[in-house]
Amino acid sequence: MTVTAGKGTQFLLATVPVGRLSSISGVAMSADQIDVTALDSMGSFREYIAGFKDGGDVPLSGFFDYSDAGQQALHDAFQSGETQACSIVFPTAQACKWAFSGVVTGFETSIEVDGAISFSATVKVSGQPVLSAVTG
């Protein structure tokens, strides 16, 4: 597989692409650590097993565009609090995507003197994210 630029990557809420994005972070998976160290653990080193896993947060940021259906959908999903189908579709050369259920836990606009009006949103992954091939 080839190393590719991020140009063309999309974040979709249900089937609606979010426009004017400049950054998509995540999926940032982690697992809880359960300490199973015993008084007779070999070499006096702590021992661990994996606990529950967490799909993490997916922070999004970009340029605010009130007319963009995807940005409106993010805002509406934040207001409703409902779990949504989400996906991060990588450029064609990568031929893969993340698919997951998510809850929009943050939505913010930002205005600065020497900059474009921006927005950011945070989507909390709910359940197991799936990385799979995209065909076609």
Protein backbone atom coordinates (compact mmCIF):
# COMPACT_ATOMS: atom_id res chain seq x y z
CA MET A 1 0.00 0.00 0.00
CA THR A 2 1.13 3.51 -0.70
CA VAL A 3 1.59 6.35 1.73
CA THR A 4 -0.98 8.98 0.77
CA ALA A 5 -1.91 12.53 1.61
CA GLY A 6 -5.08 13.09 3.63
CA LYS A 7 -6.69 15.08 0.80
CA GLY A 8 -10.08 13.63 -0.02
CA THR A 9 -10.71 11.99 3.37
CA GLN A 10 -14.35 12.39 4.43
CA PHE A 11 -16.26 12.17 7.69
CA LEU A 12 -19.86 11.04 7.22
CA LEU A 13 -22.66 11.30 9.76
CA ALA A 14 -25.09 8.64 8.60
CA THR A 15 -24.71 9.17 4.83
CA VAL A 16 -24.15 12.95 4.97
CA PRO A 17 -20.56 14.14 4.41
CA VAL A 18 -19.42 16.95 6.70
CA GLY A 19 -17.97 19.72 4.52
CA ARG A 20 -15.14 22.20 4.95
CA LEU A 21 -13.15 19.97 7.34
CA SER A 22 -9.48 20.74 7.87
CA SER A 23 -8.80 18.04 10.49
CA ILE A 24 -10.17 14.65 11.50
CA SER A 25 -8.49 12.97 14.46
CA GLY A 26 -9.07 9.49 15.85
CA VAL A 27 -10.26 6.71 16.01
CA ALA A 28 -8.10 6.51 19.17
CA MET A 29 -8.66 3.08 20.69
CA SER A 30 -7.38 2.12 24.13
CA ALA A 31 -7.85 -0.69 26.63
CA ASP A 32 -8.16 -0.56 30.39
CA GLN A 33 -5.32 -2.16 32.28
CA ILE A 34 -6.15 -4.55 35.09
CA ASP A 35 -3.32 -5.01 37.56
CA VAL A 36 -2.92 -8.71 38.39
CA THR A 37 0.38 -8.38 40.25
CA ALA A 38 0.78 -10.91 43.01
CA LEU A 39 3.24 -11.00 45.86
CA ASP A 40 5.08 -13.80 44.03
CA SER A 41 5.08 -12.17 40.55
CA MET A 42 8.21 -13.12 38.62
CA GLY A 43 11.14 -10.72 39.05
CA SER A 44 9.07 -8.30 41.17
CA PHE A 45 7.52 -6.81 38.02
CA ARG A 46 3.89 -5.77 37.83
CA GLU A 47 1.63 -7.87 35.60
CA TYR A 48 -1.42 -6.75 33.65
CA ILE A 49 -4.27 -8.09 31.59
CA ALA A 50 -6.48 -6.11 29.21
CA GLY A 51 -9.89 -4.94 30.40
CA PHE A 52 -12.66 -3.16 28.53
CA LYS A 53 -11.73 -1.35 25.33
CA ASP A 54 -12.73 2.19 24.37
CA GLY A 55 -13.02 3.54 20.82
CA GLY A 56 -12.09 7.02 22.03
CA ASP A 57 -13.15 10.37 20.65
CA VAL A 58 -13.06 11.66 17.09
CA PRO A 59 -12.34 15.41 17.11
CA LEU A 60 -13.28 17.28 13.92
CA SER A 61 -12.42 20.84 12.96
CA GLY A 62 -12.84 23.03 9.94
CA PHE A 63 -14.28 26.19 8.50
CA PHE A 64 -17.81 27.05 9.61
CA ASP A 65 -20.40 26.94 6.83
CA TYR A 66 -23.97 27.28 8.06
CA SER A 67 -25.33 26.06 4.71
CA ASP A 68 -23.37 22.76 4.86
CA ALA A 69 -25.77 19.85 5.45
CA GLY A 70 -23.09 17.83 7.26
CA GLN A 71 -22.30 20.61 9.74
CA GLN A 72 -26.02 21.06 10.33
CA ALA A 73 -26.36 17.31 10.91
CA LEU A 74 -23.54 17.40 13.49
CA HIS A 75 -25.25 20.26 15.33
CA ASP A 76 -28.63 18.49 15.20
CA ALA A 77 -27.05 15.24 16.46
CA PHE A 78 -25.51 17.15 19.37
CA GLN A 79 -28.90 18.65 20.22
CA SER A 80 -30.71 15.29 20.04
CA GLY A 81 -28.05 13.26 21.85
CA GLU A 82 -28.90 10.28 19.67
CA THR A 83 -26.33 7.71 18.60
CA GLN A 84 -25.52 8.04 14.90
CA ALA A 85 -23.84 5.87 12.27
CA CYS A 86 -20.47 7.44 11.45
CA SER A 87 -17.62 6.73 9.07
CA ILE A 88 -14.23 8.08 8.13
CA VAL A 89 -13.56 7.27 4.49
CA PHE A 90 -9.91 7.49 3.48
CA PRO A 91 -8.70 8.56 0.00
CA THR A 92 -9.11 6.07 -2.84
CA ALA A 93 -5.45 4.97 -2.73
CA GLN A 94 -5.98 3.62 0.81
CA ALA A 95 -9.27 1.86 -0.09
CA CYS A 96 -10.48 1.59 3.52
CA LYS A 97 -12.72 3.24 6.08
CA TRP A 98 -13.60 3.33 9.76
CA ALA A 99 -17.25 2.63 10.57
CA PHE A 100 -18.71 3.11 14.05
CA SER A 101 -21.63 4.35 16.08
CA GLY A 102 -21.04 7.70 17.72
CA VAL A 103 -22.57 10.36 19.92
CA VAL A 104 -21.78 14.02 19.19
CA THR A 105 -20.56 15.31 22.57
CA GLY A 106 -19.37 18.77 21.54
CA PHE A 107 -19.99 21.45 18.92
CA GLU A 108 -18.29 24.85 18.95
CA THR A 109 -17.75 27.84 16.67
CA SER A 110 -14.75 30.13 16.97
CA ILE A 111 -14.09 33.64 15.63
CA GLU A 112 -10.69 35.34 15.67
CA VAL A 113 -9.52 38.73 14.42
CA ASP A 114 -7.18 37.40 11.74
CA GLY A 115 -8.89 34.19 10.75
CA ALA A 116 -11.86 32.53 9.13
CA ILE A 117 -14.79 31.52 11.31
CA SER A 118 -14.12 27.94 12.35
CA PHE A 119 -15.99 25.14 14.04
CA SER A 120 -15.07 22.03 15.95
CA ALA A 121 -17.03 19.00 17.04
CA THR A 122 -16.29 15.88 19.06
CA VAL A 123 -17.83 12.49 18.37
CA LYS A 124 -17.56 9.80 21.08
CA VAL A 125 -17.22 6.31 19.62
CA SER A 126 -19.88 3.99 21.07
CA GLY A 127 -19.08 0.29 20.78
CA GLN A 128 -16.50 -1.30 18.52
CA PRO A 129 -15.12 0.69 15.56
CA VAL A 130 -14.48 -1.41 12.45
CA LEU A 131 -11.68 -0.75 9.95
CA SER A 132 -12.57 -2.37 6.62
CA ALA A 133 -11.80 -2.29 2.92
CA VAL A 134 -13.78 -0.10 0.56
CA THR A 135 -14.53 -1.65 -2.83
CA GLY A 136 -15.42 0.09 -6.04
